[in-house]
C-alpha atoms as a PDB file:
ATOM      1  CA  MET A   1     238.932 108.278 105.031  1.00  0.00           C
ATOM      2  CA  ASP A   2     237.201 109.356 108.189  1.00  0.00           C
ATOM      3  CA  SER A   3     237.149 112.961 106.989  1.00  0.00           C
ATOM      4  CA  GLN A   4     235.474 111.977 103.710  1.00  0.00           C
ATOM      5  CA  PHE A   5     232.780 110.010 105.541  1.00  0.00           C
ATOM      6  CA  TYR A   6     232.197 112.967 107.817  1.00  0.00           C
ATOM      7  CA  ARG A   7     231.750 115.369 104.880  1.00  0.00           C
ATOM      8  CA  PHE A   8     229.318 112.919 103.216  1.00  0.00           C
ATOM      9  CA  ALA A   9     227.220 112.655 106.390  1.00  0.00           C
ATOM     10  CA  GLN A  10     227.083 116.434 106.726  1.00  0.00           C
ATOM     11  CA  SER A  11     225.958 116.803 103.134  1.00  0.00           C
ATOM     12  CA  ALA A  12     223.162 114.264 103.632  1.00  0.00           C
ATOM     13  CA  LYS A  13     222.031 116.001 106.807  1.00  0.00           C
ATOM     14  CA  SER A  14     221.894 119.361 105.050  1.00  0.00           C
ATOM     15  CA  ALA A  15     219.958 117.914 102.155  1.00  0.00           C
ATOM     16  CA  SER A  16     217.370 116.498 104.538  1.00  0.00           C
ATOM     17  CA  ARG A  17     216.700 120.003 105.824  1.00  0.00           C
ATOM     18  CA  CYS A  18     216.057 121.567 102.420  1.00  0.00           C
ATOM     19  CA  PRO A  19     212.400 122.334 101.696  1.00  0.00           C
ATOM     20  CA  ILE A  20     210.725 120.385  98.924  1.00  0.00           C
ATOM     21  CA  SER A  21     209.346 122.555  96.154  1.00  0.00           C
ATOM     22  CA  ARG A  22     205.589 122.178  95.695  1.00  0.00           C
ATOM     23  CA  GLY A  23     205.258 124.581  92.818  1.00  0.00           C
ATOM     24  CA  ASP A  24     204.421 121.940  90.279  1.00  0.00           C
ATOM     25  CA  GLN A  25     201.702 120.264  92.354  1.00  0.00           C
ATOM     26  CA  ARG A  26     198.081 120.719  91.150  1.00  0.00           C
ATOM     27  CA  THR A  27     195.124 121.300  93.473  1.00  0.00           C
ATOM     28  CA  SER A  28     191.717 120.070  92.192  1.00  0.00           C
ATOM     29  CA  VAL A  29     188.655 122.005  93.363  1.00  0.00           C
ATOM     30  CA  ALA A  30     185.208 120.280  93.062  1.00  0.00           C
ATOM     31  CA  GLY A  31     182.182 122.447  92.093  1.00  0.00           C
ATOM     32  CA  LEU A  32     179.632 123.506  89.437  1.00  0.00           C
ATOM     33  CA  THR A  33     180.321 125.821  86.597  1.00  0.00           C
ATOM     34  CA  LEU A  34     177.940 128.616  85.619  1.00  0.00           C
ATOM     35  CA  ILE A  35     176.695 126.618  82.627  1.00  0.00           C
ATOM     36  CA  GLU A  36     175.941 123.596  84.818  1.00  0.00           C
ATOM     37  CA  CYS A  37     173.933 125.817  87.199  1.00  0.00           C
ATOM     38  CA  LEU A  38     171.930 127.252  84.310  1.00  0.00           C
ATOM     39  CA  VAL A  39     171.185 123.785  82.951  1.00  0.00           C
ATOM     40  CA  ALA A  40     169.984 122.649  86.394  1.00  0.00           C
ATOM     41  CA  ILE A  41     167.692 125.689  86.683  1.00  0.00           C
ATOM     42  CA  VAL A  42     166.199 125.036  83.270  1.00  0.00           C
ATOM     43  CA  VAL A  43     165.552 121.376  84.087  1.00  0.00           C
ATOM     44  CA  ILE A  44     163.877 122.285  87.376  1.00  0.00           C
ATOM     45  CA  GLY A  45     161.755 124.942  85.654  1.00  0.00           C
ATOM     46  CA  ILE A  46     160.554 122.501  83.003  1.00  0.00           C
ATOM     47  CA  SER A  47     159.675 119.925  85.675  1.00  0.00           C
ATOM     48  CA  VAL A  48     157.700 122.463  87.724  1.00  0.00           C
ATOM     49  CA  ALA A  49     155.869 123.719  84.628  1.00  0.00           C
ATOM     50  CA  ALA A  50     154.878 120.168  83.742  1.00  0.00           C
ATOM     51  CA  VAL A  51     153.610 119.291  87.237  1.00  0.00           C
ATOM     52  CA  THR A  52     151.821 122.560  88.153  1.00  0.00           C
ATOM     53  CA  PRO A  53     148.755 122.141  85.858  1.00  0.00           C
ATOM     54  CA  ALA A  54     148.086 118.685  87.268  1.00  0.00           C
ATOM     55  CA  LEU A  55     148.314 120.002  90.831  1.00  0.00           C
ATOM     56  CA  VAL A  56     145.966 122.913  90.064  1.00  0.00           C
ATOM     57  CA  LEU A  57     143.490 120.533  88.407  1.00  0.00           C
ATOM     58  CA  THR A  58     143.580 118.150  91.363  1.00  0.00           C
ATOM     59  CA  VAL A  59     143.102 120.845  94.013  1.00  0.00           C
ATOM     60  CA  ALA A  60     140.321 122.693  92.145  1.00  0.00           C
ATOM     61  CA  THR A  61     138.425 119.470  91.434  1.00  0.00           C
ATOM     62  CA  ARG A  62     138.714 118.371  95.052  1.00  0.00           C
ATOM     63  CA  VAL A  63     137.392 121.717  96.323  1.00  0.00           C
ATOM     64  CA  GLN A  64     134.441 121.542  93.920  1.00  0.00           C
ATOM     65  CA  SER A  65     133.625 117.967  94.956  1.00  0.00           C
ATOM     66  CA  GLN A  66     133.683 118.896  98.641  1.00  0.00           C
ATOM     67  CA  GLN A  67     131.368 121.857  98.049  1.00  0.00           C
ATOM     68  CA  ALA A  68     129.004 119.703  95.979  1.00  0.00           C
ATOM     69  CA  GLU A  69     128.842 117.140  98.795  1.00  0.00           C
ATOM     70  CA  GLN A  70     128.061 119.835 101.352  1.00  0.00           C
ATOM     71  CA  ALA A  71     125.409 121.317  99.060  1.00  0.00           C
ATOM     72  CA  LEU A  72     123.717 117.931  98.633  1.00  0.00           C
ATOM     73  CA  ASN A  73     123.647 117.413 102.407  1.00  0.00           C
ATOM     74  CA  LEU A  74     122.063 120.850 102.860  1.00  0.00           C
ATOM     75  CA  ALA A  75     119.387 120.117 100.259  1.00  0.00           C
ATOM     76  CA  GLN A  76     118.529 116.750 101.796  1.00  0.00           C
ATOM     77  CA  THR A  77     118.412 118.257 105.286  1.00  0.00           C
ATOM     78  CA  GLU A  78     115.997 120.933 104.085  1.00  0.00           C
ATOM     79  CA  ILE A  79     113.651 118.296 102.628  1.00  0.00           C
ATOM     80  CA  ASP A  80     113.865 116.135 105.754  1.00  0.00           C
ATOM     81  CA  GLN A  81     112.950 119.087 107.961  1.00  0.00           C
ATOM     82  CA  VAL A  82     109.865 119.908 105.887  1.00  0.00           C
ATOM     83  CA  ARG A  83     108.832 116.256 105.772  1.00  0.00           C
ATOM     84  CA  LEU A  84     109.097 116.065 109.566  1.00  0.00           C
ATOM     85  CA  VAL A  85     106.938 119.175 109.992  1.00  0.00           C
ATOM     86  CA  VAL A  86     104.309 117.758 107.656  1.00  0.00           C
ATOM     87  CA  GLU A  87     104.270 114.337 109.317  1.00  0.00           C
ATOM     88  CA  ARG A  88     103.695 115.885 112.720  1.00  0.00           C
ATOM     89  CA  GLY A  89     100.545 117.433 111.278  1.00  0.00           C
ATOM     90  CA  ASN A  90     100.254 120.375 113.637  1.00  0.00           C
ATOM     91  CA  ASP A  91      97.621 122.902 112.640  1.00  0.00           C
ATOM     92  CA  GLY A  92      99.075 125.595 110.430  1.00  0.00           C
ATOM     93  CA  TYR A  93     102.143 123.598 109.425  1.00  0.00           C
ATOM     94  CA  ALA A  94     101.842 125.028 105.910  1.00  0.00           C
ATOM     95  CA  ALA A  95     103.203 128.279 107.306  1.00  0.00           C
ATOM     96  CA  SER A  96     106.414 126.450 108.201  1.00  0.00           C
ATOM     97  CA  THR A  97     106.879 124.945 104.762  1.00  0.00           C
ATOM     98  CA  PRO A  98     108.462 126.730 101.797  1.00  0.00           C
ATOM     99  CA  LEU A  99     106.622 129.448  99.988  1.00  0.00           C
ATOM    100  CA  THR A 100     103.743 128.491  97.716  1.00  0.00           C
ATOM    101  CA  THR A 101     103.950 129.211  94.032  1.00  0.00           C
ATOM    102  CA  PRO A 102     101.160 128.806  91.469  1.00  0.00           C
ATOM    103  CA  ILE A 103     103.550 127.103  89.028  1.00  0.00           C
ATOM    104  CA  ALA A 104     102.356 123.539  88.447  1.00  0.00           C
ATOM    105  CA  ASP A 105     105.775 122.120  87.564  1.00  0.00           C
ATOM    106  CA  ILE A 106     108.275 123.157  90.226  1.00  0.00           C
ATOM    107  CA  ARG A 107     111.139 122.381  87.857  1.00  0.00           C
ATOM    108  CA  THR A 108     110.207 125.548  85.978  1.00  0.00           C
ATOM    109  CA  VAL A 109     110.548 127.776  89.045  1.00  0.00           C
ATOM    110  CA  PRO A 110     113.018 130.530  88.073  1.00  0.00           C
ATOM    111  CA  SER A 111     116.410 130.748  89.705  1.00  0.00           C
ATOM    112  CA  PRO A 112     116.828 133.238  92.580  1.00  0.00           C
ATOM    113  CA  VAL A 113     117.598 136.867  91.904  1.00  0.00           C
ATOM    114  CA  ASN A 114     118.733 137.695  95.420  1.00  0.00           C
ATOM    115  CA  PHE A 115     120.561 136.072  98.348  1.00  0.00           C
ATOM    116  CA  VAL A 116     119.154 137.167 101.711  1.00  0.00           C
ATOM    117  CA  ALA A 117     119.346 136.239 105.381  1.00  0.00           C
ATOM    118  CA  SER A 118     115.629 135.357 105.504  1.00  0.00           C
ATOM    119  CA  THR A 119     113.529 134.628 102.436  1.00  0.00           C
ATOM    120  CA  THR A 120     110.168 136.262 101.828  1.00  0.00           C
ATOM    121  CA  SER A 121     109.555 135.259  98.218  1.00  0.00           C
ATOM    122  CA  VAL A 122     110.218 132.294  95.976  1.00  0.00           C
ATOM    123  CA  ASP A 123     112.827 134.168  93.912  1.00  0.00           C
ATOM    124  CA  GLN A 124     115.110 134.543  96.936  1.00  0.00           C
ATOM    125  CA  ALA A 125     117.697 132.153  98.383  1.00  0.00           C
ATOM    126  CA  GLN A 126     118.640 132.011 102.055  1.00  0.00           C
ATOM    127  CA  LEU A 127     122.293 132.477 102.962  1.00  0.00           C
ATOM    128  CA  VAL A 128     123.913 129.700 105.017  1.00  0.00           C
ATOM    129  CA  ASP A 129     127.173 129.689 106.980  1.00  0.00           C
ATOM    130  CA  VAL A 130     128.168 126.020 107.121  1.00  0.00           C
ATOM    131  CA  ASP A 131     131.400 126.172 109.119  1.00  0.00           C
ATOM    132  CA  GLY A 132     130.373 128.978 111.485  1.00  0.00           C
ATOM    133  CA  ASP A 133     133.262 131.263 110.574  1.00  0.00           C
ATOM    134  CA  GLY A 134     131.013 134.279 110.051  1.00  0.00           C
ATOM    135  CA  SER A 135     131.167 134.079 106.254  1.00  0.00           C
ATOM    136  CA  ASP A 136     128.304 132.670 104.188  1.00  0.00           C
ATOM    137  CA  ASP A 137     129.148 129.573 102.146  1.00  0.00           C
ATOM    138  CA  PHE A 138     125.907 128.713 100.319  1.00  0.00           C
ATOM    139  CA  ALA A 139     122.471 130.052  99.441  1.00  0.00           C
ATOM    140  CA  ILE A 140     119.442 127.726  99.502  1.00  0.00           C
ATOM    141  CA  GLN A 141     116.384 128.295  97.331  1.00  0.00           C
ATOM    142  CA  THR A 142     113.429 126.283  98.657  1.00  0.00           C
ATOM    143  CA  PHE A 143     109.973 126.232  97.082  1.00  0.00           C
ATOM    144  CA  ARG A 144     106.813 124.155  96.657  1.00  0.00           C
ATOM    145  CA  ASN A 145     103.619 124.233  94.686  1.00  0.00           C
ATOM    146  CA  ALA A 146     100.154 124.640  96.150  1.00  0.00           C
ATOM    147  CA  GLY A 147      99.624 120.897  96.349  1.00  0.00           C
ATOM    148  CA  TYR A 148      96.331 119.307  97.384  1.00  0.00           C
ATOM    149  CA  THR A 149      94.422 120.651 100.361  1.00  0.00           C
ATOM    150  CA  PRO A 150      91.299 118.721 101.497  1.00  0.00           C
ATOM    151  CA  SER A 151      88.131 120.737 101.898  1.00  0.00           C
ATOM    152  CA  GLY A 152      87.674 122.184 105.352  1.00  0.00           C
ATOM    153  CA  THR A 153      91.420 122.376 106.044  1.00  0.00           C
ATOM    154  CA  THR A 154      94.104 124.966 105.462  1.00  0.00           C
ATOM    155  CA  ASP A 155      97.142 122.746 105.143  1.00  0.00           C
ATOM    156  CA  PRO A 156      98.044 120.780 101.992  1.00  0.00           C
ATOM    157  CA  ILE A 157      98.143 117.025 102.442  1.00  0.00           C
ATOM    158  CA  ALA A 158     100.493 116.534  99.493  1.00  0.00           C
ATOM    159  CA  PHE A 159     102.706 118.869  97.494  1.00  0.00           C
ATOM    160  CA  ASP A 160     105.825 118.953  95.356  1.00  0.00           C
ATOM    161  CA  MET A 161     108.948 120.521  96.797  1.00  0.00           C
ATOM    162  CA  GLY A 162     112.213 121.639  95.285  1.00  0.00           C
ATOM    163  CA  VAL A 163     115.568 122.707  96.700  1.00  0.00           C
ATOM    164  CA  ARG A 164     118.503 124.316  94.921  1.00  0.00           C
ATOM    165  CA  VAL A 165     121.776 125.047  96.677  1.00  0.00           C
ATOM    166  CA  TYR A 166     124.094 127.654  95.162  1.00  0.00           C
ATOM    167  CA  SER A 167     127.699 128.369  96.057  1.00  0.00           C
ATOM    168  CA  ILE A 168     128.310 131.794  97.561  1.00  0.00           C
ATOM    169  CA  GLN A 169     130.624 132.387  94.591  1.00  0.00           C
ATOM    170  CA  SER A 170     127.551 132.588  92.352  1.00  0.00           C
ATOM    171  CA  GLN A 171     126.444 135.751  94.147  1.00  0.00           C
ATOM    172  CA  ASP A 172     128.361 137.779  91.581  1.00  0.00           C
ATOM    173  CA  ASN A 173     126.041 136.467  88.846  1.00  0.00           C
ATOM    174  CA  LEU A 174     122.688 137.238  90.454  1.00  0.00           C
ATOM    175  CA  GLY A 175     120.144 137.930  87.761  1.00  0.00           C
ATOM    176  CA  SER A 176     121.706 135.451  85.352  1.00  0.00           C
ATOM    177  CA  LEU A 177     121.816 132.283  87.455  1.00  0.00           C
ATOM    178  CA  GLU A 178     120.604 129.009  85.977  1.00  0.00           C
ATOM    179  CA  SER A 179     118.369 126.377  87.569  1.00  0.00           C
ATOM    180  CA  THR A 180     119.955 123.187  86.195  1.00  0.00           C
ATOM    181  CA  GLN A 181     122.548 121.433  88.325  1.00  0.00           C
ATOM    182  CA  ALA A 182     126.215 122.106  87.640  1.00  0.00           C
ATOM    183  CA  ASP A 183     128.365 119.358  86.173  1.00  0.00           C
ATOM    184  CA  ILE A 184     130.716 118.089  88.864  1.00  0.00           C
ATOM    185  CA  GLY A 185     133.795 116.992  86.962  1.00  0.00           C
ATOM    186  CA  LEU A 186     137.420 117.909  86.419  1.00  0.00           C
ATOM    187  CA  THR A 187     138.056 121.628  86.613  1.00  0.00           C
ATOM    188  CA  SER A 188     141.046 123.922  86.951  1.00  0.00           C
ATOM    189  CA  GLY A 189     138.996 126.830  88.324  1.00  0.00           C
ATOM    190  CA  THR A 190     135.522 127.371  89.757  1.00  0.00           C
ATOM    191  CA  GLY A 191     133.783 125.195  87.164  1.00  0.00           C
ATOM    192  CA  GLN A 192     130.059 125.875  86.731  1.00  0.00           C
ATOM    193  CA  ARG A 193     129.388 126.760  90.349  1.00  0.00           C
ATOM    194  CA  ARG A 194     129.461 130.470  89.568  1.00  0.00           C
ATOM    195  CA  ASN A 195     126.209 130.294  87.630  1.00  0.00           C
ATOM    196  CA  LYS A 196     124.578 126.926  88.436  1.00  0.00           C
ATOM    197  CA  PRO A 197     123.424 125.237  91.667  1.00  0.00           C
ATOM    198  CA  LEU A 198     125.718 122.580  93.094  1.00  0.00           C
ATOM    199  CA  ALA A 199     122.743 120.483  94.240  1.00  0.00           C
ATOM    200  CA  VAL A 200     119.164 120.236  92.978  1.00  0.00           C
ATOM    201  CA  LEU A 201     116.505 117.989  94.551  1.00  0.00           C
ATOM    202  CA  TYR A 202     112.815 117.608  93.718  1.00  0.00           C
ATOM    203  CA  THR A 203     110.451 115.446  95.719  1.00  0.00           C
ATOM    204  CA  THR A 204     106.821 114.949  96.738  1.00  0.00           C
ATOM    205  CA  ILE A 205     105.872 115.459 100.373  1.00  0.00           C
ATOM    206  CA  VAL A 206     102.804 113.534 101.572  1.00  0.00           C
ATOM    207  CA  ARG A 207     101.320 113.476 105.054  1.00  0.00           C
ATOM    208  CA  GLY A 208     100.975 109.759 105.711  1.00  0.00           C
ATOM    209  CA  GLU A 209      99.159 109.843 109.065  1.00  0.00           C
ATOM    210  CA  ALA A 210      96.005 111.649 107.969  1.00  0.00           C
ATOM    211  CA  ASP A 211      92.807 109.696 107.255  1.00  0.00           C
ATOM    212  CA  SER A 212      92.565 111.093 103.752  1.00  0.00           C
ATOM    213  CA  SER A 213      96.243 110.751 102.882  1.00  0.00           C
ATOM    214  CA  LEU A 214      95.890 108.107 100.199  1.00  0.00           C
ATOM    215  CA  CYS A 215      92.860 109.692  98.577  1.00  0.00           C
ATOM    216  CA  GLY A 216      94.508 113.077  98.810  1.00  0.00           C
ATOM    217  CA  TYR A 217      97.639 111.772  97.149  1.00  0.00           C
ATOM    218  CA  VAL A 218      95.589 110.283  94.298  1.00  0.00           C
ATOM    219  CA  GLU A 219      93.774 113.581  93.908  1.00  0.00           C
ATOM    220  CA  PHE A 220      97.069 115.419  93.933  1.00  0.00           C
ATOM    221  CA  ILE A 221      98.567 113.233  91.205  1.00  0.00           C
ATOM    222  CA  ASP A 222      95.541 113.313  88.915  1.00  0.00           C
ATOM    223  CA  SER A 223      92.211 114.730  89.934  1.00  0.00           C
ATOM    224  CA  THR A 224      90.524 112.961  86.995  1.00  0.00           C
ATOM    225  CA  ALA A 225      91.902 109.510  87.753  1.00  0.00           C
ATOM    226  CA  SER A 226      89.381 106.790  88.537  1.00  0.00           C
ATOM    227  CA  THR A 227      89.940 104.702  91.647  1.00  0.00           C
ATOM    228  CA  SER A 228      88.157 101.953  93.514  1.00  0.00           C
ATOM    229  CA  LEU A 229      88.884 103.716  96.800  1.00  0.00           C
ATOM    230  CA  SER A 230      85.985 105.228  98.702  1.00  0.00           C
ATOM    231  CA  CYS A 231      87.221 108.749  98.272  1.00  0.00           C
ATOM    232  CA  SER A 232      84.710 111.525  98.657  1.00  0.00           C
END
């Protein structure tokens, strides 16, 4: 009996040492198949293609709006500077104002045919570097008509003035530029700033401190108008 128990114990001990076969176990590996990768690439490509036009439209429109705002500030600054010179009334201030043109309606002044560092004629626009990086950003065309000059003086007491500010990108179209203001709206490129001014301002400059300012202004508006003022 003891010998049988001993043999049984030995058999159990030997069995416990036998390796367990793992040949029929399955190992699962997580990952993407080639088809799944291709589908993901296609989905991403479609999403990018759908979003890109909107991004281009947003960026281009924002750039155009910023340039139009800068152009308007330049035009207003130019008018303010001339108005200040006129109000001071120093002798010979007409020489500091924009060039005189015989055209009665300044809105019909032709667009510039050349961008230069310093203007010498009404068909030129002066280059301006706004951000000081050494590259010109805009070109300003400034002009006025002869206005009204009282007898015995050399400086006009009232005149019409116009300012047009062109983007430097319009330099490629010199000779075919237009004088009407560009439409500032949605754009996916350069919009109309390649051939039209970004800002256009027209105004009347009157010297208000002179004795004959009011009479001169009336004369400037309509020399045939009747008035109760004691204007000589």
